[in-house]
Structures are given as C-alpha cells and as structure tokens.
PDB file of all heavy atoms in Angstrom:
ATOM      1  N   VAL A   1     -16.424   0.773   0.101  1.00  0.00           N
ATOM      2  CA  VAL A   1     -16.423   0.910  -1.390  1.00  0.00           C
ATOM      3  C   VAL A   1     -15.242   0.075  -1.903  1.00  0.00           C
ATOM      4  O   VAL A   1     -15.430  -0.738  -2.853  1.00  0.00           O
ATOM      5  CB  VAL A   1     -16.265   2.368  -1.787  1.00  0.00           C
ATOM      6  CG1 VAL A   1     -16.184   2.479  -3.323  1.00  0.00           C
ATOM      7  CG2 VAL A   1     -17.438   3.192  -1.258  1.00  0.00           C
ATOM      8  N   TYR A   2     -14.064   0.225  -1.343  1.00  0.00           N
ATOM      9  CA  TYR A   2     -12.913  -0.628  -1.723  1.00  0.00           C
ATOM     10  C   TYR A   2     -11.925  -0.620  -0.602  1.00  0.00           C
ATOM     11  O   TYR A   2     -11.860   0.261   0.275  1.00  0.00           O
ATOM     12  CB  TYR A   2     -12.278  -0.171  -3.027  1.00  0.00           C
ATOM     13  CG  TYR A   2     -11.464   1.108  -2.887  1.00  0.00           C
ATOM     14  CD1 TYR A   2     -10.155   1.087  -2.390  1.00  0.00           C
ATOM     15  CD2 TYR A   2     -12.034   2.367  -3.311  1.00  0.00           C
ATOM     16  CE1 TYR A   2      -9.443   2.262  -2.273  1.00  0.00           C
ATOM     17  CE2 TYR A   2     -11.273   3.554  -3.176  1.00  0.00           C
ATOM     18  CZ  TYR A   2     -10.002   3.478  -2.698  1.00  0.00           C
ATOM     19  OH  TYR A   2      -9.239   4.633  -2.590  1.00  0.00           O
ATOM     20  N   GLU A   3     -11.115  -1.700  -0.509  1.00  0.00           N
ATOM     21  CA  GLU A   3      -9.992  -1.803   0.290  1.00  0.00           C
ATOM     22  C   GLU A   3      -8.779  -2.152  -0.546  1.00  0.00           C
ATOM     23  O   GLU A   3      -8.889  -2.873  -1.483  1.00  0.00           O
ATOM     24  CB  GLU A   3     -10.169  -2.901   1.353  1.00  0.00           C
ATOM     25  CG  GLU A   3     -11.177  -2.591   2.440  1.00  0.00           C
ATOM     26  CD  GLU A   3     -11.270  -3.725   3.432  1.00  0.00           C
ATOM     27  OE1 GLU A   3     -11.886  -4.758   3.099  1.00  0.00           O
ATOM     28  OE2 GLU A   3     -10.726  -3.552   4.610  1.00  0.00           O
ATOM     29  N   ARG A   4      -7.652  -1.562  -0.207  1.00  0.00           N
ATOM     30  CA  ARG A   4      -6.450  -1.785  -0.948  1.00  0.00           C
ATOM     31  C   ARG A   4      -5.276  -2.175  -0.045  1.00  0.00           C
ATOM     32  O   ARG A   4      -5.089  -1.553   0.991  1.00  0.00           O
ATOM     33  CB  ARG A   4      -6.084  -0.500  -1.697  1.00  0.00           C
ATOM     34  CG  ARG A   4      -4.768  -0.489  -2.451  1.00  0.00           C
ATOM     35  CD  ARG A   4      -3.597   0.182  -1.682  1.00  0.00           C
ATOM     36  NE  ARG A   4      -2.417   0.342  -2.486  1.00  0.00           N
ATOM     37  CZ  ARG A   4      -2.206   1.314  -3.316  1.00  0.00           C
ATOM     38  NH1 ARG A   4      -3.116   2.309  -3.417  1.00  0.00           N
ATOM     39  NH2 ARG A   4      -1.123   1.383  -4.040  1.00  0.00           N
ATOM     40  N   GLU A   5      -4.515  -3.160  -0.453  1.00  0.00           N
ATOM     41  CA  GLU A   5      -3.277  -3.469   0.234  1.00  0.00           C
ATOM     42  C   GLU A   5      -2.177  -3.595  -0.829  1.00  0.00           C
ATOM     43  O   GLU A   5      -2.469  -3.968  -1.992  1.00  0.00           O
ATOM     44  CB  GLU A   5      -3.369  -4.735   1.047  1.00  0.00           C
ATOM     45  CG  GLU A   5      -4.253  -4.544   2.300  1.00  0.00           C
ATOM     46  CD  GLU A   5      -4.059  -5.718   3.292  1.00  0.00           C
ATOM     47  OE1 GLU A   5      -3.321  -6.614   2.975  1.00  0.00           O
ATOM     48  OE2 GLU A   5      -4.697  -5.622   4.368  1.00  0.00           O
ATOM     49  N   THR A   6      -0.952  -3.326  -0.436  1.00  0.00           N
ATOM     50  CA  THR A   6       0.171  -3.361  -1.387  1.00  0.00           C
ATOM     51  C   THR A   6       1.141  -4.519  -1.041  1.00  0.00           C
ATOM     52  O   THR A   6       1.480  -4.698   0.158  1.00  0.00           O
ATOM     53  CB  THR A   6       0.937  -2.056  -1.359  1.00  0.00           C
ATOM     54  OG1 THR A   6       0.054  -0.991  -1.730  1.00  0.00           O
ATOM     55  CG2 THR A   6       2.106  -2.083  -2.335  1.00  0.00           C
ATOM     56  N   ASP A   7       1.384  -5.318  -2.017  1.00  0.00           N
ATOM     57  CA  ASP A   7       2.399  -6.384  -1.896  1.00  0.00           C
ATOM     58  C   ASP A   7       3.773  -5.668  -2.048  1.00  0.00           C
ATOM     59  O   ASP A   7       4.204  -5.376  -3.151  1.00  0.00           O
ATOM     60  CB  ASP A   7       2.214  -7.418  -2.965  1.00  0.00           C
ATOM     61  CG  ASP A   7       3.187  -8.525  -2.910  1.00  0.00           C
ATOM     62  OD1 ASP A   7       4.269  -8.393  -2.244  1.00  0.00           O
ATOM     63  OD2 ASP A   7       2.978  -9.638  -3.527  1.00  0.00           O
ATOM     64  N   ILE A   8       4.394  -5.386  -0.883  1.00  0.00           N
ATOM     65  CA  ILE A   8       5.591  -4.599  -0.887  1.00  0.00           C
ATOM     66  C   ILE A   8       6.770  -5.281  -1.624  1.00  0.00           C
ATOM     67  O   ILE A   8       7.519  -4.728  -2.390  1.00  0.00           O
ATOM     68  CB  ILE A   8       6.063  -4.254   0.550  1.00  0.00           C
ATOM     69  CG1 ILE A   8       4.934  -3.443   1.225  1.00  0.00           C
ATOM     70  CG2 ILE A   8       7.370  -3.461   0.560  1.00  0.00           C
ATOM     71  CD1 ILE A   8       4.652  -2.125   0.614  1.00  0.00           C
ATOM     72  N   GLN A   9       6.853  -6.617  -1.426  1.00  0.00           N
ATOM     73  CA  GLN A   9       7.962  -7.335  -2.042  1.00  0.00           C
ATOM     74  C   GLN A   9       7.884  -7.289  -3.555  1.00  0.00           C
ATOM     75  O   GLN A   9       8.887  -7.085  -4.258  1.00  0.00           O
ATOM     76  CB  GLN A   9       7.952  -8.782  -1.565  1.00  0.00           C
ATOM     77  CG  GLN A   9       9.146  -9.608  -2.091  1.00  0.00           C
ATOM     78  CD  GLN A   9       9.158 -11.023  -1.504  1.00  0.00           C
ATOM     79  OE1 GLN A   9       8.381 -11.328  -0.607  1.00  0.00           O
ATOM     80  NE2 GLN A   9      10.044 -11.845  -2.021  1.00  0.00           N
ATOM     81  N   ASN A  10       6.687  -7.434  -4.116  1.00  0.00           N
ATOM     82  CA  ASN A  10       6.511  -7.447  -5.527  1.00  0.00           C
ATOM     83  C   ASN A  10       6.064  -6.142  -6.110  1.00  0.00           C
ATOM     84  O   ASN A  10       5.868  -6.009  -7.358  1.00  0.00           O
ATOM     85  CB  ASN A  10       5.494  -8.536  -5.939  1.00  0.00           C
ATOM     86  CG  ASN A  10       6.025  -9.936  -5.642  1.00  0.00           C
ATOM     87  OD1 ASN A  10       7.117 -10.309  -5.989  1.00  0.00           O
ATOM     88  ND2 ASN A  10       5.205 -10.664  -4.877  1.00  0.00           N
ATOM     89  N   GLN A  11       5.823  -5.158  -5.238  1.00  0.00           N
ATOM     90  CA  GLN A  11       5.423  -3.803  -5.635  1.00  0.00           C
ATOM     91  C   GLN A  11       4.136  -3.830  -6.494  1.00  0.00           C
ATOM     92  O   GLN A  11       4.056  -3.181  -7.530  1.00  0.00           O
ATOM     93  CB  GLN A  11       6.567  -3.095  -6.413  1.00  0.00           C
ATOM     94  CG  GLN A  11       7.842  -2.970  -5.625  1.00  0.00           C
ATOM     95  CD  GLN A  11       8.959  -2.287  -6.370  1.00  0.00           C
ATOM     96  OE1 GLN A  11       8.720  -1.765  -7.451  1.00  0.00           O
ATOM     97  NE2 GLN A  11      10.090  -2.171  -5.780  1.00  0.00           N
ATOM     98  N   VAL A  12       3.146  -4.572  -5.943  1.00  0.00           N
ATOM     99  CA  VAL A  12       1.937  -4.723  -6.704  1.00  0.00           C
ATOM    100  C   VAL A  12       0.730  -4.382  -5.808  1.00  0.00           C
ATOM    101  O   VAL A  12       0.682  -4.689  -4.629  1.00  0.00           O
ATOM    102  CB  VAL A  12       1.761  -6.200  -7.188  1.00  0.00           C
ATOM    103  CG1 VAL A  12       0.399  -6.463  -7.803  1.00  0.00           C
ATOM    104  CG2 VAL A  12       2.831  -6.572  -8.165  1.00  0.00           C
ATOM    105  N   THR A  13      -0.266  -3.771  -6.422  1.00  0.00           N
ATOM    106  CA  THR A  13      -1.455  -3.301  -5.728  1.00  0.00           C
ATOM    107  C   THR A  13      -2.558  -4.371  -5.790  1.00  0.00           C
ATOM    108  O   THR A  13      -2.823  -4.913  -6.843  1.00  0.00           O
ATOM    109  CB  THR A  13      -2.002  -2.020  -6.398  1.00  0.00           C
ATOM    110  OG1 THR A  13      -1.076  -0.981  -6.129  1.00  0.00           O
ATOM    111  CG2 THR A  13      -3.301  -1.548  -5.629  1.00  0.00           C
ATOM    112  N   LYS A  14      -3.188  -4.644  -4.653  1.00  0.00           N
ATOM    113  CA  LYS A  14      -4.328  -5.587  -4.610  1.00  0.00           C
ATOM    114  C   LYS A  14      -5.595  -4.768  -4.142  1.00  0.00           C
ATOM    115  O   LYS A  14      -5.502  -4.162  -3.090  1.00  0.00           O
ATOM    116  CB  LYS A  14      -4.075  -6.747  -3.687  1.00  0.00           C
ATOM    117  CG  LYS A  14      -2.861  -7.600  -4.092  1.00  0.00           C
ATOM    118  CD  LYS A  14      -3.130  -8.322  -5.383  1.00  0.00           C
ATOM    119  CE  LYS A  14      -1.961  -9.215  -5.784  1.00  0.00           C
ATOM    120  NZ  LYS A  14      -2.195  -9.904  -7.096  1.00  0.00           N
ATOM    121  N   ILE A  15      -6.664  -4.889  -4.871  1.00  0.00           N
ATOM    122  CA  ILE A  15      -7.864  -4.121  -4.561  1.00  0.00           C
ATOM    123  C   ILE A  15      -9.041  -5.072  -4.336  1.00  0.00           C
ATOM    124  O   ILE A  15      -9.331  -5.962  -5.177  1.00  0.00           O
ATOM    125  CB  ILE A  15      -8.242  -3.117  -5.674  1.00  0.00           C
ATOM    126  CG1 ILE A  15      -7.061  -2.141  -5.850  1.00  0.00           C
ATOM    127  CG2 ILE A  15      -9.471  -2.365  -5.342  1.00  0.00           C
ATOM    128  CD1 ILE A  15      -7.221  -1.241  -7.061  1.00  0.00           C
ATOM    129  N   LYS A  16      -9.773  -4.873  -3.197  1.00  0.00           N
ATOM    130  CA  LYS A  16     -10.993  -5.626  -2.932  1.00  0.00           C
ATOM    131  C   LYS A  16     -12.152  -4.665  -2.886  1.00  0.00           C
ATOM    132  O   LYS A  16     -12.157  -3.692  -2.176  1.00  0.00           O
ATOM    133  CB  LYS A  16     -10.829  -6.329  -1.574  1.00  0.00           C
ATOM    134  CG  LYS A  16     -12.050  -7.214  -1.236  1.00  0.00           C
ATOM    135  CD  LYS A  16     -11.861  -7.831   0.166  1.00  0.00           C
ATOM    136  CE  LYS A  16     -13.088  -8.601   0.557  1.00  0.00           C
ATOM    137  NZ  LYS A  16     -12.902  -9.233   1.939  1.00  0.00           N
ATOM    138  N   ILE A  17     -13.143  -5.010  -3.707  1.00  0.00           N
ATOM    139  CA  ILE A  17     -14.328  -4.118  -3.855  1.00  0.00           C
ATOM    140  C   ILE A  17     -15.384  -4.519  -2.856  1.00  0.00           C
ATOM    141  O   ILE A  17     -15.560  -5.737  -2.604  1.00  0.00           O
ATOM    142  CB  ILE A  17     -14.935  -4.186  -5.271  1.00  0.00           C
ATOM    143  CG1 ILE A  17     -13.847  -3.761  -6.279  1.00  0.00           C
ATOM    144  CG2 ILE A  17     -16.142  -3.294  -5.424  1.00  0.00           C
ATOM    145  CD1 ILE A  17     -13.360  -2.377  -6.171  1.00  0.00           C
ATOM    146  N   GLY A  18     -16.092  -3.558  -2.277  1.00  0.00           N
ATOM    147  CA  GLY A  18     -17.164  -3.828  -1.327  1.00  0.00           C
ATOM    148  C   GLY A  18     -18.316  -4.621  -1.889  1.00  0.00           C
ATOM    149  O   GLY A  18     -18.539  -4.605  -3.129  1.00  0.00           O
ATOM    150  N   SER A  19     -19.023  -5.367  -1.068  1.00  0.00           N
ATOM    151  CA  SER A  19     -20.055  -6.298  -1.532  1.00  0.00           C
ATOM    152  C   SER A  19     -21.219  -5.575  -2.253  1.00  0.00           C
ATOM    153  O   SER A  19     -21.955  -6.208  -3.013  1.00  0.00           O
ATOM    154  CB  SER A  19     -20.569  -7.105  -0.374  1.00  0.00           C
ATOM    155  OG  SER A  19     -21.139  -6.239   0.699  1.00  0.00           O
ATOM    156  N   LYS A  20     -21.433  -4.301  -1.946  1.00  0.00           N
ATOM    157  CA  LYS A  20     -22.577  -3.597  -2.527  1.00  0.00           C
ATOM    158  C   LYS A  20     -22.200  -2.872  -3.825  1.00  0.00           C
ATOM    159  O   LYS A  20     -23.045  -2.246  -4.442  1.00  0.00           O
ATOM    160  CB  LYS A  20     -23.142  -2.540  -1.534  1.00  0.00           C
ATOM    161  CG  LYS A  20     -23.743  -3.205  -0.281  1.00  0.00           C
ATOM    162  CD  LYS A  20     -24.360  -2.152   0.612  1.00  0.00           C
ATOM    163  CE  LYS A  20     -25.003  -2.815   1.842  1.00  0.00           C
ATOM    164  NZ  LYS A  20     -25.593  -1.811   2.783  1.00  0.00           N
ATOM    165  N   ILE A  21     -20.952  -2.983  -4.242  1.00  0.00           N
ATOM    166  CA  ILE A  21     -20.507  -2.283  -5.479  1.00  0.00           C
ATOM    167  C   ILE A  21     -20.577  -3.192  -6.662  1.00  0.00           C
ATOM    168  O   ILE A  21     -20.049  -4.311  -6.598  1.00  0.00           O
ATOM    169  CB  ILE A  21     -19.016  -1.774  -5.278  1.00  0.00           C
ATOM    170  CG1 ILE A  21     -18.900  -0.822  -4.053  1.00  0.00           C
ATOM    171  CG2 ILE A  21     -18.533  -1.063  -6.522  1.00  0.00           C
ATOM    172  CD1 ILE A  21     -19.767   0.406  -4.109  1.00  0.00           C
ATOM    173  N   LYS A  22     -21.190  -2.760  -7.719  1.00  0.00           N
ATOM    174  CA  LYS A  22     -21.334  -3.550  -8.910  1.00  0.00           C
ATOM    175  C   LYS A  22     -20.531  -2.853 -10.018  1.00  0.00           C
ATOM    176  O   LYS A  22     -20.740  -1.712 -10.368  1.00  0.00           O
ATOM    177  CB  LYS A  22     -22.768  -3.634  -9.315  1.00  0.00           C
ATOM    178  CG  LYS A  22     -23.754  -4.150  -8.240  1.00  0.00           C
ATOM    179  CD  LYS A  22     -23.279  -5.572  -7.785  1.00  0.00           C
ATOM    180  CE  LYS A  22     -24.235  -6.029  -6.646  1.00  0.00           C
ATOM    181  NZ  LYS A  22     -23.819  -7.374  -6.118  1.00  0.00           N
ATOM    182  N   LEU A  23     -19.576  -3.646 -10.614  1.00  0.00           N
ATOM    183  CA  LEU A  23     -18.763  -3.135 -11.705  1.00  0.00           C
ATOM    184  C   LEU A  23     -18.781  -4.084 -12.853  1.00  0.00           C
ATOM    185  O   LEU A  23     -19.129  -5.292 -12.748  1.00  0.00           O
ATOM    186  CB  LEU A  23     -17.317  -3.040 -11.232  1.00  0.00           C
ATOM    187  CG  LEU A  23     -17.037  -2.051 -10.089  1.00  0.00           C
ATOM    188  CD1 LEU A  23     -15.546  -2.139  -9.664  1.00  0.00           C
ATOM    189  CD2 LEU A  23     -17.380  -0.633 -10.483  1.00  0.00           C
ATOM    190  N   LYS A  24     -18.417  -3.540 -14.069  1.00  0.00           N
ATOM    191  CA  LYS A  24     -18.368  -4.354 -15.276  1.00  0.00           C
ATOM    192  C   LYS A  24     -17.178  -5.349 -15.198  1.00  0.00           C
ATOM    193  O   LYS A  24     -16.248  -5.066 -14.475  1.00  0.00           O
ATOM    194  CB  LYS A  24     -18.265  -3.434 -16.520  1.00  0.00           C
ATOM    195  CG  LYS A  24     -19.535  -2.619 -16.781  1.00  0.00           C
ATOM    196  CD  LYS A  24     -19.382  -1.801 -18.021  1.00  0.00           C
ATOM    197  CE  LYS A  24     -20.652  -1.018 -18.322  1.00  0.00           C
ATOM    198  NZ  LYS A  24     -20.483  -0.164 -19.542  1.00  0.00           N
ATOM    199  N   MET A  25     -17.326  -6.363 -15.963  1.00  0.00           N
ATOM    200  CA  MET A  25     -16.258  -7.354 -16.041  1.00  0.00           C
ATOM    201  C   MET A  25     -14.940  -6.724 -16.460  1.00  0.00           C
ATOM    202  O   MET A  25     -14.900  -5.944 -17.422  1.00  0.00           O
ATOM    203  CB  MET A  25     -16.600  -8.477 -17.051  1.00  0.00           C
ATOM    204  CG  MET A  25     -15.645  -9.643 -17.066  1.00  0.00           C
ATOM    205  SD  MET A  25     -15.740 -10.701 -15.664  1.00  0.00           S
ATOM    206  CE  MET A  25     -17.371 -11.416 -15.891  1.00  0.00           C
ATOM    207  N   GLY A  26     -13.889  -7.038 -15.742  1.00  0.00           N
ATOM    208  CA  GLY A  26     -12.550  -6.496 -16.139  1.00  0.00           C
ATOM    209  C   GLY A  26     -12.195  -5.194 -15.498  1.00  0.00           C
ATOM    210  O   GLY A  26     -11.063  -4.689 -15.646  1.00  0.00           O
ATOM    211  N   ALA A  27     -13.112  -4.574 -14.772  1.00  0.00           N
ATOM    212  CA  ALA A  27     -12.867  -3.220 -14.159  1.00  0.00           C
ATOM    213  C   ALA A  27     -11.824  -3.314 -13.052  1.00  0.00           C
ATOM    214  O   ALA A  27     -10.924  -2.451 -13.018  1.00  0.00           O
ATOM    215  CB  ALA A  27     -14.150  -2.660 -13.638  1.00  0.00           C
ATOM    216  N   ILE A  28     -11.922  -4.328 -12.237  1.00  0.00           N
ATOM    217  CA  ILE A  28     -10.939  -4.428 -11.103  1.00  0.00           C
ATOM    218  C   ILE A  28      -9.517  -4.688 -11.572  1.00  0.00           C
ATOM    219  O   ILE A  28      -8.605  -4.020 -11.192  1.00  0.00           O
ATOM    220  CB  ILE A  28     -11.417  -5.492 -10.110  1.00  0.00           C
ATOM    221  CG1 ILE A  28     -12.753  -5.088  -9.497  1.00  0.00           C
ATOM    222  CG2 ILE A  28     -10.340  -5.655  -9.053  1.00  0.00           C
ATOM    223  CD1 ILE A  28     -13.342  -6.141  -8.568  1.00  0.00           C
ATOM    224  N   PRO A  29      -9.282  -5.641 -12.496  1.00  0.00           N
ATOM    225  CA  PRO A  29      -7.915  -5.803 -13.026  1.00  0.00           C
ATOM    226  C   PRO A  29      -7.381  -4.609 -13.691  1.00  0.00           C
ATOM    227  O   PRO A  29      -6.177  -4.285 -13.547  1.00  0.00           O
ATOM    228  CB  PRO A  29      -8.089  -6.958 -14.063  1.00  0.00           C
ATOM    229  CG  PRO A  29      -9.273  -7.750 -13.573  1.00  0.00           C
ATOM    230  CD  PRO A  29     -10.235  -6.701 -13.020  1.00  0.00           C
ATOM    231  N   ALA A  30      -8.250  -3.890 -14.443  1.00  0.00           N
ATOM    232  CA  ALA A  30      -7.771  -2.621 -15.091  1.00  0.00           C
ATOM    233  C   ALA A  30      -7.382  -1.581 -14.078  1.00  0.00           C
ATOM    234  O   ALA A  30      -6.401  -0.874 -14.211  1.00  0.00           O
ATOM    235  CB  ALA A  30      -8.905  -2.096 -15.994  1.00  0.00           C
ATOM    236  N   LEU A  31      -8.115  -1.485 -12.970  1.00  0.00           N
ATOM    237  CA  LEU A  31      -7.881  -0.544 -11.908  1.00  0.00           C
ATOM    238  C   LEU A  31      -6.579  -0.913 -11.184  1.00  0.00           C
ATOM    239  O   LEU A  31      -5.770  -0.019 -10.882  1.00  0.00           O
ATOM    240  CB  LEU A  31      -9.039  -0.451 -10.959  1.00  0.00           C
ATOM    241  CG  LEU A  31      -8.955   0.592  -9.875  1.00  0.00           C
ATOM    242  CD1 LEU A  31      -8.848   2.012 -10.462  1.00  0.00           C
ATOM    243  CD2 LEU A  31     -10.222   0.521  -8.996  1.00  0.00           C
ATOM    244  N   GLU A  32      -6.397  -2.175 -10.961  1.00  0.00           N
ATOM    245  CA  GLU A  32      -5.156  -2.636 -10.274  1.00  0.00           C
ATOM    246  C   GLU A  32      -3.910  -2.373 -11.180  1.00  0.00           C
ATOM    247  O   GLU A  32      -2.897  -1.942 -10.665  1.00  0.00           O
ATOM    248  CB  GLU A  32      -5.227  -4.113  -9.950  1.00  0.00           C
ATOM    249  CG  GLU A  32      -6.152  -4.460  -8.810  1.00  0.00           C
ATOM    250  CD  GLU A  32      -6.224  -5.914  -8.519  1.00  0.00           C
ATOM    251  OE1 GLU A  32      -5.966  -6.779  -9.418  1.00  0.00           O
ATOM    252  OE2 GLU A  32      -6.537  -6.326  -7.368  1.00  0.00           O
ATOM    253  N   THR A  33      -4.069  -2.541 -12.474  1.00  0.00           N
ATOM    254  CA  THR A  33      -2.972  -2.342 -13.382  1.00  0.00           C
ATOM    255  C   THR A  33      -2.594  -0.877 -13.383  1.00  0.00           C
ATOM    256  O   THR A  33      -1.351  -0.539 -13.456  1.00  0.00           O
ATOM    257  CB  THR A  33      -3.361  -2.757 -14.809  1.00  0.00           C
ATOM    258  OG1 THR A  33      -3.627  -4.169 -14.792  1.00  0.00           O
ATOM    259  CG2 THR A  33      -2.162  -2.526 -15.744  1.00  0.00           C
ATOM    260  N   SER A  34      -3.526   0.067 -13.302  1.00  0.00           N
ATOM    261  CA  SER A  34      -3.254   1.456 -13.388  1.00  0.00           C
ATOM    262  C   SER A  34      -2.799   2.073 -12.047  1.00  0.00           C
ATOM    263  O   SER A  34      -2.247   3.154 -12.006  1.00  0.00           O
ATOM    264  CB  SER A  34      -4.482   2.253 -13.842  1.00  0.00           C
ATOM    265  OG  SER A  34      -4.806   1.911 -15.191  1.00  0.00           O
ATOM    266  N   THR A  35      -3.052   1.330 -10.976  1.00  0.00           N
ATOM    267  CA  THR A  35      -2.720   1.815  -9.646  1.00  0.00           C
ATOM    268  C   THR A  35      -1.337   1.310  -9.265  1.00  0.00           C
ATOM    269  O   THR A  35      -1.167   0.236  -8.686  1.00  0.00           O
ATOM    270  CB  THR A  35      -3.757   1.404  -8.601  1.00  0.00           C
ATOM    271  OG1 THR A  35      -5.054   1.796  -9.045  1.00  0.00           O
ATOM    272  CG2 THR A  35      -3.485   2.019  -7.248  1.00  0.00           C
TER     273      THR A  35
END
C-alpha cells in the first residue's frame, strides 16, 4: 500500500505508494507534509 523512509539528516519523510493504489493529484505531497 505504501513504503516510507525517513531522511534522518534533513528530518523529512519520503513516501512511496504501491503500484495498485490510485490517489488524487497532490495527495502524496500533502501526506508527506503532514507526516
């Protein structure tokens, strides 16, 4: 469904969505910003 890794140096979350998941435009950046 998703994989997440954290950039420890910059304290930033990176999220990769699974190939079968369909989301609206802008959903992933919004989710990364809130996480």
